[in-house]
Amino acid sequence: MAGAIASRMSFSSLKRKQPKTFTVRIVTMDAEMEFNCEVLDHDVSKEEPVTFHFLAKFYPENAEEELVQEITQHLFFLQVKKQILDEKIYCPPEASVLLASYAVQAKYGDYDPSVHKRGFLAQEELLPKRVINLYQMTPEMWEERITAWYAEHRGRARDEAEMEYLKIAQDLEMYGVNYFAIRNKKGTELLLGVDALGLHIYDPENRLTPKISFPWNEIRNISYSDKEFTIKPLDKKIDVFKFNSSKLRVNKLILQLCIGNHDLFMRRRKADSLEVQQMKAQAREEKARKQMERQRLAREKQMREEAERTRDELERRLLQMKEEATMANEALMRSEETADLLAEKAQITEEEAKLLAQKAAEAEQEMQRIKATAIRTEEEKRLMEQKVLEAEVLALKMAEESERRAKEADQLKQDLQEAREAERRAKQKLLEIATKPTYPPMNPIPAPLPPDIPSFNLIGDSLSFDFKDTDMKRLSMEIEKEKVEYLEKSKHLQEQLNELKTEIEALKLKERETALDILHNENSDRGGTSSKHNTIKKLTLQSAKSRVAFFEEL
């Protein structure tokens, strides 16, 4: 990308009496420039410390094609993001939410619900204040909508998320346009917009849609004299295009921007220089290497997750088997205790039965003795008969009790036999659990990587990596596939943007709409074009002569 992008520089001590100078080294795609600047030659603040911002002066037409190095892309992303947040570039509310989701992906990586909990974006500046004030929505509601899109960007690396951000931002109407207040021959106040595509004339109240445009390929010469600026069209039959600016210094700045943008416009339409081709080739190789590295890491991560799931499953099954073994042991112990109790009770019942049988025999002997005894008197005989009857009844009862006890003893023996059978079954089940086949180790050896993945050889502190032709061909096929997928995603993206716009429309505060919001809505209602390039393309279809005449009539 032509133009300088650098980080911030601070000077803690800067006084008028001691002029300070600094050296700036600008690295572009085609050349390196170095020059000295005296700080106090510029209009700087007298407060200390003095902070300088080095920003891109010329914007790329296609960020994806022209931003070759990753660091250049990152710094340009930071610049465009700040301009959108500072409202120097107008961005519709629904597009602001989408851009914020890509900015979050670039900063935090993939969305993880366990890490990125509610409120993790509370301290982040992600939306322009104009958008926040335009709707009756809490920070939590904005965060919810940003997070919903953020979760869909899973798998995108930082550079990919930043590039998606820039591809959306470069279609905004005010992207890359430098505005200057001018007057035409009639003294009408207008705005001149200078960008990578050409010169555009705007109404001061409408910076979104230009009234007329002059592409760089139709301009032959640009010059200024005092405050009058002159543009000569390529067609010599057409009158020159003149306007006046407020200050001579503004004319110098306009001339610098015109020359630089015109030079880049023509250079982009020529074959790349050898140096640029080498840079792009290195960038493609680096991108391919990073893509393969990400694929390798993704496979390793997937294998690790599968190994962890297998380990968790084995641990769960092992715990289940331990629980089953514990329950079987407890059942076995209960069976043994029941069997011991039944055996003890059967033994007691047998002893009682024997005792009753002995008493019955003694009663029988007593009855025989009584019968054998001769009682001479009638009373004694009657008493004897009564005693004999009672002895018979008692003997009968004892016989019945002895029989009942014997049956109970038999029942206890049967219960004891059933308890021992249950104990045998429990021991057999425990033996079956103990003899089940063992499971594989809990940390399985990861499967070897597929043969199509290039290997990295680490020797000491050095790293060697070889590319194969098949890898580059495969990468080219993947790039073509990504282009097709991007077109499909663009349609899906527009549907999502329209859905979000409809969803939050009911929460809009009409009285807080800015002039740019109203103009954007009017363009949308009229079926306006989807991008700045399409708008300018329609305007440039007019003839150069008619555009000059129209400008002079304004």
Protein backbone atom coordinates (compact mmCIF):
# COMPACT_ATOMS: atom_id res chain seq x y z
CA MET A 1 0.00 0.00 0.00
CA ALA A 2 1.39 3.38 -0.92
CA GLY A 3 1.57 5.72 2.01
CA ALA A 4 3.11 5.55 5.43
CA ILE A 5 1.62 3.78 8.39
CA ALA A 6 3.57 3.86 11.63
CA SER A 7 2.95 3.77 15.35
CA ARG A 8 2.65 6.74 17.71
CA MET A 9 5.64 8.88 18.68
CA SER A 10 5.83 11.04 21.81
CA PHE A 11 8.23 13.81 22.75
CA SER A 12 8.26 14.56 26.48
CA SER A 13 10.30 17.79 26.19
CA LEU A 14 9.69 20.22 23.33
CA LYS A 15 10.45 23.95 23.59
CA ARG A 16 10.31 26.76 21.06
CA LYS A 17 13.83 27.92 21.84
CA GLN A 18 15.33 24.54 20.97
CA PRO A 19 13.97 23.28 17.63
CA LYS A 20 13.80 19.51 17.41
CA THR A 21 14.03 17.47 14.23
CA PHE A 22 13.12 13.90 13.50
CA THR A 23 13.69 11.53 10.62
CA VAL A 24 10.79 9.71 8.95
CA ARG A 25 11.43 6.63 6.83
CA ILE A 26 8.46 5.64 4.64
CA VAL A 27 8.35 2.13 3.19
CA THR A 28 5.91 1.56 0.33
CA MET A 29 5.41 -1.34 -2.08
CA ASP A 30 7.69 0.24 -4.65
CA ALA A 31 10.22 2.43 -2.90
CA GLU A 32 11.66 3.68 0.33
CA MET A 33 11.83 7.40 1.10
CA GLU A 34 13.68 9.15 3.90
CA PHE A 35 13.49 12.83 4.80
CA ASN A 36 14.07 15.12 7.76
CA CYS A 37 11.36 17.26 9.29
CA GLU A 38 11.68 20.07 11.79
CA VAL A 39 8.96 19.61 14.37
CA LEU A 40 8.29 23.28 14.92
CA ASP A 41 7.77 23.85 11.18
CA HIS A 42 4.37 22.28 11.73
CA ASP A 43 1.36 23.53 13.63
CA VAL A 44 1.80 21.54 16.82
CA SER A 45 0.45 22.01 20.32
CA LYS A 46 2.63 23.79 22.85
CA GLU A 47 1.52 21.39 25.58
CA GLU A 48 3.80 18.57 26.63
CA PRO A 49 4.12 15.77 25.74
CA VAL A 50 3.39 16.17 22.03
CA THR A 51 1.90 13.12 20.34
CA PHE A 52 2.20 12.49 16.59
CA HIS A 53 -0.02 10.10 14.66
CA PHE A 54 1.45 8.68 11.44
CA LEU A 55 -1.46 7.54 9.29
CA ALA A 56 -2.06 6.28 5.76
CA LYS A 57 -2.31 9.19 3.34
CA PHE A 58 -3.52 7.16 0.35
CA TYR A 59 -6.19 4.49 0.71
CA PRO A 60 -6.18 1.24 -1.29
CA GLU A 61 -8.97 0.49 -3.73
CA ASN A 62 -8.97 -3.18 -2.79
CA ALA A 63 -7.51 -3.84 0.65
CA GLU A 64 -7.30 -7.58 0.11
CA GLU A 65 -5.13 -7.20 -3.00
CA GLU A 66 -2.98 -4.23 -2.00
CA LEU A 67 -2.23 -4.76 1.69
CA VAL A 68 0.50 -7.33 1.24
CA GLN A 69 2.22 -7.49 4.62
CA GLU A 70 0.32 -8.47 7.74
CA ILE A 71 1.70 -5.60 9.85
CA THR A 72 0.56 -3.08 7.21
CA GLN A 73 -2.90 -4.63 7.23
CA HIS A 74 -3.07 -4.50 11.03
CA LEU A 75 -2.04 -0.83 11.27
CA PHE A 76 -4.45 0.16 8.50
CA PHE A 77 -7.22 -1.77 10.27
CA LEU A 78 -6.55 0.23 13.45
CA GLN A 79 -6.71 3.48 11.48
CA VAL A 80 -10.00 2.70 9.74
CA LYS A 81 -11.52 1.37 12.96
CA LYS A 82 -10.66 4.62 14.80
CA GLN A 83 -12.08 6.74 11.96
CA ILE A 84 -15.37 4.81 12.13
CA LEU A 85 -15.56 5.09 15.93
CA ASP A 86 -14.70 8.81 15.74
CA GLU A 87 -17.46 9.17 13.09
CA LYS A 88 -15.07 10.49 10.46
CA ILE A 89 -16.44 7.69 8.28
CA TYR A 90 -20.21 7.27 8.39
CA CYS A 91 -21.30 3.69 9.11
CA PRO A 92 -24.96 2.51 9.34
CA PRO A 93 -25.98 1.06 12.75
CA GLU A 94 -26.45 -2.52 11.52
CA ALA A 95 -23.05 -2.48 9.75
CA SER A 96 -21.47 -1.04 12.92
CA VAL A 97 -22.59 -4.10 14.88
CA LEU A 98 -21.11 -6.43 12.25
CA LEU A 99 -17.80 -4.55 12.19
CA ALA A 100 -17.70 -4.64 15.99
CA SER A 101 -18.07 -8.43 15.91
CA TYR A 102 -15.05 -8.74 13.59
CA ALA A 103 -13.04 -6.39 15.81
CA VAL A 104 -13.85 -8.60 18.82
CA GLN A 105 -12.81 -11.72 16.86
CA ALA A 106 -9.50 -10.05 15.96
CA LYS A 107 -8.81 -9.18 19.61
CA TYR A 108 -10.16 -12.15 21.57
CA GLY A 109 -9.98 -15.04 19.08
CA ASP A 110 -12.70 -17.72 18.92
CA TYR A 111 -15.79 -17.30 21.10
CA ASP A 112 -15.78 -19.47 24.24
CA PRO A 113 -18.91 -19.24 26.45
CA SER A 114 -16.93 -20.38 29.51
CA VAL A 115 -14.42 -17.54 29.07
CA HIS A 116 -16.35 -14.76 27.32
CA LYS A 117 -19.12 -14.39 29.85
CA ARG A 118 -21.78 -11.70 30.00
CA GLY A 119 -20.22 -8.27 30.42
CA PHE A 120 -16.79 -9.05 28.95
CA LEU A 121 -17.26 -6.23 26.39
CA ALA A 122 -18.33 -3.64 28.96
CA GLN A 123 -15.04 -1.71 28.79
CA GLU A 124 -14.57 -2.01 25.01
CA GLU A 125 -15.24 0.88 22.59
CA LEU A 126 -16.87 -0.92 19.69
CA LEU A 127 -19.70 1.29 18.41
CA PRO A 128 -19.83 4.99 17.43
CA LYS A 129 -21.52 7.15 20.06
CA ARG A 130 -23.99 8.27 17.40
CA VAL A 131 -25.25 4.68 17.03
CA ILE A 132 -25.50 4.14 20.80
CA ASN A 133 -27.47 7.38 21.33
CA LEU A 134 -29.80 6.64 18.41
CA TYR A 135 -31.49 3.64 20.05
CA GLN A 136 -33.14 2.89 23.37
CA MET A 137 -30.85 -0.03 24.03
CA THR A 138 -28.75 -0.89 27.07
CA PRO A 139 -25.06 -1.88 26.80
CA GLU A 140 -26.12 -5.45 27.57
CA MET A 141 -28.49 -5.46 24.57
CA TRP A 142 -25.74 -4.19 22.25
CA GLU A 143 -23.32 -6.78 23.66
CA GLU A 144 -25.85 -9.57 23.07
CA ARG A 145 -26.20 -8.67 19.39
CA ILE A 146 -22.44 -8.25 18.88
CA THR A 147 -21.76 -11.58 20.61
CA ALA A 148 -24.34 -13.37 18.43
CA TRP A 149 -22.35 -12.42 15.31
CA TYR A 150 -19.02 -12.88 17.08
CA ALA A 151 -19.88 -16.54 17.73
CA GLU A 152 -20.36 -17.09 13.96
CA HIS A 153 -16.76 -16.02 13.17
CA ARG A 154 -15.25 -19.06 14.88
CA GLY A 155 -12.08 -20.33 13.21
CA ARG A 156 -10.94 -16.97 11.76
CA ALA A 157 -7.42 -15.85 12.64
CA ARG A 158 -6.68 -12.25 13.59
CA ASP A 159 -5.52 -11.22 10.11
CA GLU A 160 -8.58 -12.83 8.50
CA ALA A 161 -10.97 -11.03 10.86
CA GLU A 162 -9.21 -7.70 10.23
CA MET A 163 -9.40 -8.22 6.47
CA GLU A 164 -13.14 -8.98 6.66
CA TYR A 165 -13.51 -5.74 8.63
CA LEU A 166 -11.65 -3.77 5.92
CA LYS A 167 -13.59 -5.39 3.07
CA ILE A 168 -16.84 -4.18 4.64
CA ALA A 169 -15.43 -0.75 5.56
CA GLN A 170 -14.09 -0.02 2.06
CA ASP A 171 -17.66 -0.08 0.69
CA LEU A 172 -18.76 2.74 3.02
CA GLU A 173 -19.50 6.00 1.19
CA MET A 174 -17.01 8.15 3.16
CA TYR A 175 -14.16 5.60 3.18
CA GLY A 176 -10.86 7.10 1.95
CA VAL A 177 -12.40 10.45 0.93
CA ASN A 178 -10.64 13.70 1.90
CA TYR A 179 -13.07 16.64 1.88
CA PHE A 180 -12.19 20.28 1.09
CA ALA A 181 -14.40 23.38 1.01
CA ILE A 182 -14.36 24.99 -2.46
CA ARG A 183 -16.31 27.49 -4.60
CA ASN A 184 -17.13 27.33 -8.30
CA LYS A 185 -17.15 30.26 -10.71
CA LYS A 186 -20.55 31.42 -9.42
CA GLY A 187 -19.31 31.40 -5.84
CA THR A 188 -21.45 28.44 -4.81
CA GLU A 189 -20.08 26.67 -1.75
CA LEU A 190 -19.33 23.00 -2.46
CA LEU A 191 -17.15 20.19 -1.17
CA LEU A 192 -14.36 18.56 -3.14
CA GLY A 193 -13.73 14.91 -2.35
CA VAL A 194 -10.40 13.32 -3.29
CA ASP A 195 -10.00 9.56 -3.10
CA ALA A 196 -8.43 6.60 -4.90
CA LEU A 197 -10.98 6.67 -7.75
CA GLY A 198 -10.98 10.36 -8.67
CA LEU A 199 -12.42 13.77 -7.79
CA HIS A 200 -16.01 14.11 -6.55
CA ILE A 201 -18.19 17.16 -5.98
CA TYR A 202 -20.54 17.09 -2.98
CA ASP A 203 -23.23 19.30 -1.58
CA PRO A 204 -21.98 20.64 1.82
CA GLU A 205 -25.02 19.05 3.48
CA ASN A 206 -24.51 15.64 1.85
CA ARG A 207 -21.13 13.96 2.11
CA LEU A 208 -22.49 10.52 1.21
CA THR A 209 -23.53 10.84 -2.44
CA PRO A 210 -21.52 13.04 -4.85
CA LYS A 211 -23.32 15.13 -7.42
CA ILE A 212 -20.67 14.57 -10.11
CA SER A 213 -17.41 12.64 -10.33
CA PHE A 214 -14.23 12.91 -12.44
CA PRO A 215 -12.24 9.64 -12.62
CA TRP A 216 -8.45 9.87 -12.76
CA ASN A 217 -8.23 8.30 -16.20
CA GLU A 218 -10.02 11.34 -17.69
CA ILE A 219 -7.68 13.94 -16.13
CA ARG A 220 -4.54 15.08 -18.02
CA ASN A 221 -3.11 17.84 -15.82
CA ILE A 222 -3.65 19.37 -12.37
CA SER A 223 -2.25 22.75 -11.25
CA TYR A 224 -3.04 25.77 -9.10
CA SER A 225 -2.25 29.48 -9.09
CA ASP A 226 -2.73 31.26 -5.80
CA LYS A 227 -6.19 30.09 -4.62
CA GLU A 228 -7.46 28.97 -8.04
CA PHE A 229 -7.19 25.28 -8.77
CA THR A 230 -7.24 24.06 -12.40
CA ILE A 231 -7.89 20.56 -13.74
CA LYS A 232 -7.38 19.87 -17.45
CA PRO A 233 -9.35 16.93 -18.88
CA LEU A 234 -7.70 14.40 -21.15
CA ASP A 235 -9.98 15.48 -23.99
CA LYS A 236 -8.56 18.84 -25.17
CA LYS A 237 -11.91 19.83 -26.65
CA ILE A 238 -13.42 20.05 -23.16
CA ASP A 239 -12.99 23.21 -21.11
CA VAL A 240 -10.78 23.12 -18.05
CA PHE A 241 -12.33 22.52 -14.65
CA LYS A 242 -11.62 25.36 -12.16
CA PHE A 243 -12.53 26.09 -8.56
CA ASN A 244 -11.26 28.25 -5.71
CA SER A 245 -10.23 27.16 -2.23
CA SER A 246 -9.98 29.20 0.96
CA LYS A 247 -6.22 29.00 1.54
CA LEU A 248 -3.08 28.54 -0.52
CA ARG A 249 -1.94 25.77 1.83
CA VAL A 250 -5.16 23.85 1.08
CA ASN A 251 -4.31 23.97 -2.64
CA LYS A 252 -0.91 22.46 -1.94
CA LEU A 253 -2.49 19.63 0.02
CA ILE A 254 -5.11 19.02 -2.70
CA LEU A 255 -2.38 18.92 -5.34
CA GLN A 256 -0.33 16.40 -3.32
CA LEU A 257 -3.36 14.15 -2.83
CA CYS A 258 -4.34 14.38 -6.50
CA ILE A 259 -0.85 13.56 -7.76
CA GLY A 260 -0.43 10.66 -5.35
CA ASN A 261 -3.86 9.14 -5.95
CA HIS A 262 -3.60 9.60 -9.73
CA ASP A 263 -0.18 7.94 -9.77
CA LEU A 264 -1.47 4.99 -7.71
CA PHE A 265 -4.64 4.75 -9.84
CA MET A 266 -2.55 4.32 -12.99
CA ARG A 267 0.00 2.06 -11.32
CA ARG A 268 -2.70 -0.32 -10.10
CA ARG A 269 -3.80 -0.83 -13.67
CA LYS A 270 -0.35 -1.85 -14.83
CA ALA A 271 1.63 -5.00 -14.23
CA ASP A 272 3.23 -5.17 -10.81
CA SER A 273 6.91 -4.36 -10.53
CA LEU A 274 9.37 -7.15 -9.81
CA GLU A 275 9.71 -6.05 -6.19
CA VAL A 276 5.95 -6.03 -5.68
CA GLN A 277 5.65 -9.46 -7.33
CA GLN A 278 8.28 -10.80 -4.94
CA MET A 279 6.50 -9.27 -1.96
CA LYS A 280 3.18 -10.78 -3.05
CA ALA A 281 4.82 -14.16 -3.66
CA GLN A 282 6.36 -14.05 -0.18
CA ALA A 283 3.02 -13.02 1.28
CA ARG A 284 1.26 -15.91 -0.50
CA GLU A 285 3.88 -18.36 0.77
CA GLU A 286 3.57 -16.97 4.28
CA LYS A 287 -0.22 -17.19 4.05
CA ALA A 288 0.02 -20.78 2.82
CA ARG A 289 2.42 -21.66 5.62
CA LYS A 290 0.15 -20.12 8.23
CA GLN A 291 -2.89 -21.83 6.72
CA MET A 292 -1.16 -25.21 6.89
CA GLU A 293 0.01 -24.50 10.40
CA ARG A 294 -3.54 -23.60 11.43
CA GLN A 295 -4.83 -26.80 9.80
CA ARG A 296 -2.19 -28.83 11.64
CA LEU A 297 -3.07 -27.17 14.94
CA ALA A 298 -6.77 -27.70 14.25
CA ARG A 299 -6.17 -31.42 13.62
CA GLU A 300 -4.06 -31.72 16.76
CA LYS A 301 -6.72 -29.90 18.74
CA GLN A 302 -9.41 -32.20 17.35
CA MET A 303 -7.33 -35.29 18.16
CA ARG A 304 -6.68 -33.98 21.66
CA GLU A 305 -10.38 -33.31 22.20
CA GLU A 306 -11.24 -36.81 20.94
CA ALA A 307 -8.61 -38.32 23.26
CA GLU A 308 -10.04 -36.35 26.17
CA ARG A 309 -13.57 -37.49 25.31
CA THR A 310 -12.34 -41.11 25.12
CA ARG A 311 -10.57 -40.75 28.44
CA ASP A 312 -13.68 -39.26 30.05
CA GLU A 313 -15.80 -42.10 28.64
CA LEU A 314 -13.37 -44.72 29.97
CA GLU A 315 -13.31 -43.04 33.37
CA ARG A 316 -17.10 -42.95 33.40
CA ARG A 317 -17.34 -46.64 32.51
CA LEU A 318 -14.67 -47.54 35.08
CA LEU A 319 -16.57 -45.63 37.75
CA GLN A 320 -19.77 -47.40 36.71
CA MET A 321 -18.06 -50.81 37.00
CA LYS A 322 -16.71 -49.89 40.42
CA GLU A 323 -20.21 -48.97 41.54
CA GLU A 324 -21.59 -52.26 40.20
CA ALA A 325 -18.83 -54.21 41.98
CA THR A 326 -19.54 -52.36 45.23
CA MET A 327 -23.26 -53.12 44.96
CA ALA A 328 -22.51 -56.80 44.24
CA ASN A 329 -20.23 -56.99 47.31
CA GLU A 330 -22.89 -55.42 49.48
CA ALA A 331 -25.53 -57.86 48.16
CA LEU A 332 -23.15 -60.75 48.85
CA MET A 333 -22.53 -59.57 52.41
CA ARG A 334 -26.27 -59.22 53.01
CA SER A 335 -26.85 -62.74 51.66
CA GLU A 336 -24.15 -64.17 53.92
CA GLU A 337 -25.62 -62.44 56.97
CA THR A 338 -29.12 -63.68 56.09
CA ALA A 339 -27.81 -67.22 55.64
CA ASP A 340 -26.05 -67.11 59.04
CA LEU A 341 -29.21 -65.86 60.74
CA LEU A 342 -31.36 -68.54 59.11
CA ALA A 343 -28.85 -71.26 60.05
CA GLU A 344 -28.81 -70.08 63.66
CA LYS A 345 -32.61 -69.91 63.79
CA ALA A 346 -32.90 -73.43 62.27
CA GLN A 347 -30.53 -74.80 64.91
CA ILE A 348 -32.58 -73.23 67.72
CA THR A 349 -35.79 -74.62 66.23
CA GLU A 350 -34.29 -78.12 66.05
CA GLU A 351 -33.25 -77.94 69.71
CA GLU A 352 -36.73 -76.78 70.71
CA ALA A 353 -38.29 -79.61 68.68
CA LYS A 354 -36.03 -82.14 70.42
CA LEU A 355 -36.93 -80.72 73.81
CA LEU A 356 -40.66 -80.92 73.04
CA ALA A 357 -40.29 -84.48 71.82
CA GLN A 358 -38.52 -85.36 75.08
CA LYS A 359 -41.31 -83.75 77.12
CA ALA A 360 -43.92 -85.63 75.09
CA ALA A 361 -42.13 -88.91 75.83
CA GLU A 362 -41.99 -88.07 79.53
CA ALA A 363 -45.73 -87.29 79.47
CA GLU A 364 -46.44 -90.57 77.78
CA GLN A 365 -44.42 -92.40 80.46
CA GLU A 366 -46.29 -90.55 83.17
CA MET A 367 -49.62 -91.53 81.61
CA GLN A 368 -48.60 -95.16 81.47
CA ARG A 369 -47.47 -95.02 85.07
CA ILE A 370 -50.74 -93.48 86.14
CA LYS A 371 -52.71 -96.10 84.24
CA ALA A 372 -50.69 -98.86 85.79
CA THR A 373 -51.33 -97.53 89.26
CA ALA A 374 -54.38 -99.15 90.74
CA ILE A 375 -56.70 -96.70 92.53
CA ARG A 376 -59.09 -98.52 94.61
CA THR A 377 -61.53 -95.88 95.62
CA GLU A 378 -64.01 -94.37 93.16
CA GLU A 379 -62.88 -90.90 93.88
CA GLU A 380 -59.32 -91.73 93.24
CA LYS A 381 -60.44 -93.55 90.12
CA ARG A 382 -62.39 -90.48 88.91
CA LEU A 383 -59.47 -88.25 89.69
CA MET A 384 -57.21 -90.67 87.98
CA GLU A 385 -59.45 -90.70 84.89
CA GLN A 386 -59.48 -86.90 84.90
CA LYS A 387 -55.70 -86.76 85.17
CA VAL A 388 -55.40 -89.35 82.46
CA LEU A 389 -57.69 -87.23 80.24
CA GLU A 390 -55.67 -84.09 80.94
CA ALA A 391 -52.45 -85.97 80.29
CA GLU A 392 -53.85 -87.18 76.97
CA VAL A 393 -54.89 -83.63 76.00
CA LEU A 394 -51.48 -82.32 77.02
CA ALA A 395 -49.72 -85.06 75.12
CA LEU A 396 -51.86 -84.30 72.05
CA LYS A 397 -51.01 -80.60 72.28
CA MET A 398 -47.34 -81.40 72.69
CA ALA A 399 -47.46 -83.71 69.69
CA GLU A 400 -49.09 -80.96 67.58
CA GLU A 401 -46.51 -78.43 68.82
CA SER A 402 -43.71 -80.86 68.05
CA GLU A 403 -45.09 -81.39 64.56
CA ARG A 404 -45.41 -77.60 64.00
CA ARG A 405 -41.86 -77.09 65.18
CA ALA A 406 -40.63 -79.81 62.88
CA LYS A 407 -42.37 -78.16 59.89
CA GLU A 408 -40.86 -74.81 60.85
CA ALA A 409 -37.42 -76.44 61.06
CA ASP A 410 -37.94 -77.86 57.55
CA GLN A 411 -38.97 -74.42 56.27
CA LEU A 412 -35.88 -72.83 57.82
CA LYS A 413 -33.69 -75.45 56.20
CA GLN A 414 -35.28 -74.60 52.82
CA ASP A 415 -34.73 -70.86 53.41
CA LEU A 416 -31.11 -71.58 54.34
CA GLN A 417 -30.66 -73.53 51.14
CA GLU A 418 -32.16 -70.61 49.07
CA ALA A 419 -29.88 -68.11 50.85
CA ARG A 420 -26.82 -70.20 50.07
CA GLU A 421 -27.98 -70.41 46.42
CA ALA A 422 -28.30 -66.57 46.32
CA GLU A 423 -24.83 -66.30 47.85
CA ARG A 424 -23.47 -68.59 45.15
CA ARG A 425 -25.08 -66.47 42.38
CA ALA A 426 -23.68 -63.24 43.90
CA LYS A 427 -20.17 -64.73 44.04
CA GLN A 428 -20.52 -65.84 40.40
CA LYS A 429 -21.62 -62.30 39.30
CA LEU A 430 -18.71 -60.72 41.17
CA LEU A 431 -16.36 -63.17 39.49
CA GLU A 432 -17.79 -62.23 36.07
CA ILE A 433 -17.26 -58.47 36.74
CA ALA A 434 -13.71 -59.09 37.92
CA THR A 435 -12.86 -61.12 34.82
CA LYS A 436 -14.18 -58.58 32.22
CA PRO A 437 -11.62 -57.51 29.53
CA THR A 438 -9.52 -54.48 30.43
CA TYR A 439 -9.94 -51.20 28.51
CA PRO A 440 -7.23 -49.39 26.52
CA PRO A 441 -4.96 -46.89 28.32
CA MET A 442 -6.55 -43.61 29.29
CA ASN A 443 -4.09 -41.52 27.27
CA PRO A 444 -4.14 -43.08 23.76
CA ILE A 445 -1.25 -42.43 21.46
CA PRO A 446 -2.41 -39.80 18.91
CA ALA A 447 -2.73 -41.08 15.39
CA PRO A 448 0.02 -39.98 13.05
CA LEU A 449 -0.69 -36.93 10.94
CA PRO A 450 -1.83 -37.51 7.35
CA PRO A 451 1.01 -37.77 4.84
CA ASP A 452 -0.14 -34.66 2.96
CA ILE A 453 0.75 -32.38 5.87
CA PRO A 454 4.33 -31.00 5.52
CA SER A 455 6.65 -31.73 8.38
CA PHE A 456 8.55 -29.17 10.46
CA ASN A 457 12.14 -30.05 11.36
CA LEU A 458 13.47 -28.22 14.41
CA ILE A 459 17.26 -28.24 14.77
CA GLY A 460 18.52 -26.05 17.59
CA ASP A 461 17.01 -22.59 17.01
CA SER A 462 16.44 -23.05 13.28
CA LEU A 463 13.16 -23.88 11.51
CA SER A 464 13.05 -25.42 8.06
CA PHE A 465 9.90 -25.65 5.92
CA ASP A 466 9.53 -26.92 2.36
CA PHE A 467 6.62 -26.19 0.01
CA LYS A 468 5.49 -28.64 -2.62
CA ASP A 469 3.84 -27.83 -5.92
CA THR A 470 0.87 -29.93 -4.90
CA ASP A 471 0.47 -27.80 -1.78
CA MET A 472 0.37 -24.58 -3.80
CA LYS A 473 -2.11 -26.09 -6.29
CA ARG A 474 -4.31 -27.20 -3.46
CA LEU A 475 -4.09 -23.74 -1.90
CA SER A 476 -5.10 -22.15 -5.22
CA MET A 477 -8.13 -24.43 -5.41
CA GLU A 478 -9.03 -23.50 -1.85
CA ILE A 479 -8.75 -19.79 -2.69
CA GLU A 480 -11.13 -20.23 -5.65
CA LYS A 481 -13.49 -22.12 -3.41
CA GLU A 482 -13.31 -19.32 -0.84
CA LYS A 483 -14.29 -16.78 -3.52
CA VAL A 484 -17.46 -18.75 -4.33
CA GLU A 485 -18.22 -19.12 -0.64
CA TYR A 486 -17.67 -15.38 -0.13
CA LEU A 487 -20.35 -14.53 -2.70
CA GLU A 488 -22.79 -16.82 -0.92
CA LYS A 489 -21.83 -15.35 2.45
CA SER A 490 -22.32 -11.80 1.10
CA LYS A 491 -25.95 -12.60 0.32
CA HIS A 492 -26.38 -14.20 3.74
CA LEU A 493 -24.65 -11.20 5.31
CA GLN A 494 -27.01 -8.71 3.67
CA GLU A 495 -29.97 -10.74 4.91
CA GLN A 496 -28.54 -10.66 8.44
CA LEU A 497 -27.99 -6.90 8.23
CA ASN A 498 -31.57 -6.34 7.09
CA GLU A 499 -32.84 -8.62 9.84
CA LEU A 500 -30.91 -6.71 12.52
CA LYS A 501 -32.06 -3.38 11.09
CA THR A 502 -35.69 -4.49 11.27
CA GLU A 503 -35.20 -5.84 14.79
CA ILE A 504 -33.77 -2.62 16.26
CA GLU A 505 -35.88 -0.22 14.18
CA ALA A 506 -38.62 -0.18 16.83
CA LEU A 507 -36.10 1.05 19.42
CA LYS A 508 -34.86 3.98 17.32
CA LEU A 509 -35.28 7.54 18.60
CA LYS A 510 -36.23 9.52 15.48
CA GLU A 511 -35.46 12.86 17.10
CA ARG A 512 -31.80 11.86 17.56
CA GLU A 513 -31.13 11.05 13.91
CA THR A 514 -28.25 13.01 12.38
CA ALA A 515 -28.25 14.51 8.90
CA LEU A 516 -26.12 11.62 7.61
CA ASP A 517 -28.57 9.09 9.11
CA ILE A 518 -31.44 10.77 7.29
CA LEU A 519 -29.53 10.88 4.00
CA HIS A 520 -28.54 7.22 4.32
CA ASN A 521 -32.14 6.18 4.99
CA GLU A 522 -33.37 8.21 2.00
CA ASN A 523 -30.80 6.53 -0.25
CA SER A 524 -31.89 3.12 1.06
CA ASP A 525 -35.58 3.92 0.53
CA ARG A 526 -34.85 4.98 -3.05
CA GLY A 527 -33.10 1.66 -3.64
CA GLY A 528 -29.62 3.15 -3.42
CA THR A 529 -26.54 1.28 -4.58
CA SER A 530 -24.91 -1.25 -2.32
CA SER A 531 -21.41 0.25 -2.42
CA LYS A 532 -19.52 3.48 -3.01
CA HIS A 533 -17.83 2.07 -6.14
CA ASN A 534 -21.20 1.41 -7.79
CA THR A 535 -22.40 4.96 -7.04
CA ILE A 536 -19.27 6.53 -8.52
CA LYS A 537 -19.40 4.21 -11.52
CA LYS A 538 -22.90 5.43 -12.38
CA LEU A 539 -21.85 9.08 -12.09
CA THR A 540 -18.80 8.58 -14.33
CA LEU A 541 -20.97 7.21 -17.13
CA GLN A 542 -21.85 10.82 -17.90
CA SER A 543 -19.63 12.61 -20.40
CA ALA A 544 -16.83 14.76 -19.06
CA LYS A 545 -18.24 17.83 -20.85
CA SER A 546 -21.65 17.48 -19.22
CA ARG A 547 -20.05 17.06 -15.80
CA VAL A 548 -18.01 20.26 -16.18
CA ALA A 549 -21.09 22.18 -17.34
CA PHE A 550 -23.11 20.82 -14.45
CA PHE A 551 -20.41 21.85 -11.96
CA GLU A 552 -20.32 25.40 -13.28
CA GLU A 553 -24.13 25.65 -13.06
CA LEU A 554 -24.24 24.62 -9.41
